[in-house]
Amino acid sequence: MRVQPLLRERKELEQGGFVELILWKLPRPTADRPHGYKYRLAYVRGGRCVLRYDNETGKGDHRHIGSRTEPYRFTTVDALLSNFMRDVRAMGRLR
């Protein structure tokens, strides 16, 4: 089994900027991704990424808010997407 793309979406926002949602299902869980998913969710405004959830190799699940990085506790794909969009809305750019 190969990496399976599950989601690749870019949504332009009326107020400017965009969100990009990219999610893959891995062939098997790894030490960095015990849930078996690889993802990159980004909110870009004014040409800068102001919010990003990702789990790059060696760093595990985490999110970037501006220049700050903090751990993120992955539970489910639905919760991941919901939490990300909640944070985008909290930044006042999506209703």
C-alpha atoms as a PDB file:
ATOM      1  CA  MET A   1       0.000   0.000   0.000  1.00  0.00           C
ATOM      2  CA  ARG A   2       1.201   3.495  -0.820  1.00  0.00           C
ATOM      3  CA  VAL A   3       0.508   6.862   0.747  1.00  0.00           C
ATOM      4  CA  GLN A   4      -3.128   7.659  -0.042  1.00  0.00           C
ATOM      5  CA  PRO A   5      -4.147  11.298  -0.623  1.00  0.00           C
ATOM      6  CA  LEU A   6      -7.376  11.988   1.285  1.00  0.00           C
ATOM      7  CA  LEU A   7      -7.769  15.753   0.990  1.00  0.00           C
ATOM      8  CA  ARG A   8      -6.213  18.511  -1.072  1.00  0.00           C
ATOM      9  CA  GLU A   9      -8.226  21.713  -1.001  1.00  0.00           C
ATOM     10  CA  ARG A  10      -7.490  25.401  -1.258  1.00  0.00           C
ATOM     11  CA  LYS A  11     -10.221  27.814  -0.266  1.00  0.00           C
ATOM     12  CA  GLU A  12      -9.911  31.521  -1.057  1.00  0.00           C
ATOM     13  CA  LEU A  13     -11.374  33.691   1.687  1.00  0.00           C
ATOM     14  CA  GLU A  14     -13.628  36.675   0.962  1.00  0.00           C
ATOM     15  CA  GLN A  15     -11.594  38.856   3.327  1.00  0.00           C
ATOM     16  CA  GLY A  16      -8.360  37.956   1.564  1.00  0.00           C
ATOM     17  CA  GLY A  17      -5.934  35.120   2.038  1.00  0.00           C
ATOM     18  CA  PHE A  18      -6.705  31.427   1.816  1.00  0.00           C
ATOM     19  CA  VAL A  19      -6.710  28.143   3.689  1.00  0.00           C
ATOM     20  CA  GLU A  20      -5.014  25.054   2.298  1.00  0.00           C
ATOM     21  CA  LEU A  21      -5.893  21.596   3.624  1.00  0.00           C
ATOM     22  CA  ILE A  22      -3.668  18.640   2.724  1.00  0.00           C
ATOM     23  CA  LEU A  23      -4.071  15.198   4.300  1.00  0.00           C
ATOM     24  CA  TRP A  24      -2.641  11.758   3.479  1.00  0.00           C
ATOM     25  CA  LYS A  25      -3.283   8.307   4.930  1.00  0.00           C
ATOM     26  CA  LEU A  26       0.014   6.488   5.473  1.00  0.00           C
ATOM     27  CA  PRO A  27       0.477   2.788   4.671  1.00  0.00           C
ATOM     28  CA  ARG A  28       1.190   2.177   8.359  1.00  0.00           C
ATOM     29  CA  PRO A  29       1.666   4.226  11.540  1.00  0.00           C
ATOM     30  CA  THR A  30       5.154   5.543  12.340  1.00  0.00           C
ATOM     31  CA  ALA A  31       6.852   6.750  15.518  1.00  0.00           C
ATOM     32  CA  ASP A  32       6.181  10.387  14.495  1.00  0.00           C
ATOM     33  CA  ARG A  33       2.666   9.623  13.233  1.00  0.00           C
ATOM     34  CA  PRO A  34       1.179   6.833  15.387  1.00  0.00           C
ATOM     35  CA  HIS A  35      -2.322   7.672  14.096  1.00  0.00           C
ATOM     36  CA  GLY A  36      -1.233   6.914  10.511  1.00  0.00           C
ATOM     37  CA  TYR A  37      -1.884  10.348   8.975  1.00  0.00           C
ATOM     38  CA  LYS A  38       0.360  13.038   7.542  1.00  0.00           C
ATOM     39  CA  TYR A  39      -1.121  16.523   7.210  1.00  0.00           C
ATOM     40  CA  ARG A  40      -0.466  20.181   6.532  1.00  0.00           C
ATOM     41  CA  LEU A  41      -3.230  22.690   7.187  1.00  0.00           C
ATOM     42  CA  ALA A  42      -2.321  26.317   6.567  1.00  0.00           C
ATOM     43  CA  TYR A  43      -3.985  29.709   6.791  1.00  0.00           C
ATOM     44  CA  VAL A  44      -2.167  32.296   4.683  1.00  0.00           C
ATOM     45  CA  ARG A  45      -2.964  36.017   4.929  1.00  0.00           C
ATOM     46  CA  GLY A  46      -1.073  38.863   3.314  1.00  0.00           C
ATOM     47  CA  GLY A  47       1.366  36.396   1.754  1.00  0.00           C
ATOM     48  CA  ARG A  48       2.380  35.006   5.170  1.00  0.00           C
ATOM     49  CA  CYS A  49       1.398  31.771   6.861  1.00  0.00           C
ATOM     50  CA  VAL A  50      -0.233  32.937  10.107  1.00  0.00           C
ATOM     51  CA  LEU A  51      -1.522  29.534  11.238  1.00  0.00           C
ATOM     52  CA  ARG A  52      -0.361  26.018  10.382  1.00  0.00           C
ATOM     53  CA  TYR A  53      -1.073  22.577  11.781  1.00  0.00           C
ATOM     54  CA  ASP A  54       1.364  19.890  10.642  1.00  0.00           C
ATOM     55  CA  ASN A  55       3.312  16.824  11.662  1.00  0.00           C
ATOM     56  CA  GLU A  56       6.564  16.936   9.763  1.00  0.00           C
ATOM     57  CA  THR A  57       9.067  14.155  10.301  1.00  0.00           C
ATOM     58  CA  GLY A  58      10.910  14.429  13.599  1.00  0.00           C
ATOM     59  CA  LYS A  59       8.486  16.941  15.154  1.00  0.00           C
ATOM     60  CA  GLY A  60       5.217  15.063  15.621  1.00  0.00           C
ATOM     61  CA  ASP A  61       1.832  16.788  15.778  1.00  0.00           C
ATOM     62  CA  HIS A  62       2.063  20.519  16.403  1.00  0.00           C
ATOM     63  CA  ARG A  63       0.727  23.896  15.336  1.00  0.00           C
ATOM     64  CA  HIS A  64       2.279  27.225  14.490  1.00  0.00           C
ATOM     65  CA  ILE A  65       0.457  30.404  15.475  1.00  0.00           C
ATOM     66  CA  GLY A  66       2.458  33.286  14.075  1.00  0.00           C
ATOM     67  CA  SER A  67       6.020  32.650  15.229  1.00  0.00           C
ATOM     68  CA  ARG A  68       4.958  30.454  18.175  1.00  0.00           C
ATOM     69  CA  THR A  69       5.001  26.635  17.938  1.00  0.00           C
ATOM     70  CA  GLU A  70       3.102  24.408  20.348  1.00  0.00           C
ATOM     71  CA  PRO A  71       2.187  20.714  20.571  1.00  0.00           C
ATOM     72  CA  TYR A  72      -1.139  19.573  19.155  1.00  0.00           C
ATOM     73  CA  ARG A  73      -2.933  16.468  20.456  1.00  0.00           C
ATOM     74  CA  PHE A  74      -4.284  14.568  17.447  1.00  0.00           C
ATOM     75  CA  THR A  75      -7.410  12.515  18.178  1.00  0.00           C
ATOM     76  CA  THR A  76      -9.323  12.153  14.882  1.00  0.00           C
ATOM     77  CA  VAL A  77      -9.254  13.640  11.387  1.00  0.00           C
ATOM     78  CA  ASP A  78     -12.633  15.309  12.002  1.00  0.00           C
ATOM     79  CA  ALA A  79     -11.359  16.912  15.210  1.00  0.00           C
ATOM     80  CA  LEU A  80      -8.168  18.060  13.456  1.00  0.00           C
ATOM     81  CA  LEU A  81     -10.112  19.823  10.702  1.00  0.00           C
ATOM     82  CA  SER A  82     -12.625  21.251  13.159  1.00  0.00           C
ATOM     83  CA  ASN A  83      -9.914  22.593  15.499  1.00  0.00           C
ATOM     84  CA  PHE A  84      -8.030  24.163  12.603  1.00  0.00           C
ATOM     85  CA  MET A  85     -11.124  25.914  11.224  1.00  0.00           C
ATOM     86  CA  ARG A  86     -12.063  27.055  14.743  1.00  0.00           C
ATOM     87  CA  ASP A  87      -8.654  28.715  15.036  1.00  0.00           C
ATOM     88  CA  VAL A  88      -9.017  30.318  11.596  1.00  0.00           C
ATOM     89  CA  ARG A  89     -12.416  31.758  12.610  1.00  0.00           C
ATOM     90  CA  ALA A  90     -10.946  32.963  15.912  1.00  0.00           C
ATOM     91  CA  MET A  91      -8.427  34.948  13.904  1.00  0.00           C
ATOM     92  CA  GLY A  92     -11.449  36.774  12.459  1.00  0.00           C
ATOM     93  CA  ARG A  93     -11.086  35.780   8.843  1.00  0.00           C
ATOM     94  CA  LEU A  94     -13.750  33.124   8.229  1.00  0.00           C
ATOM     95  CA  ARG A  95     -17.390  33.134   9.239  1.00  0.00           C
END
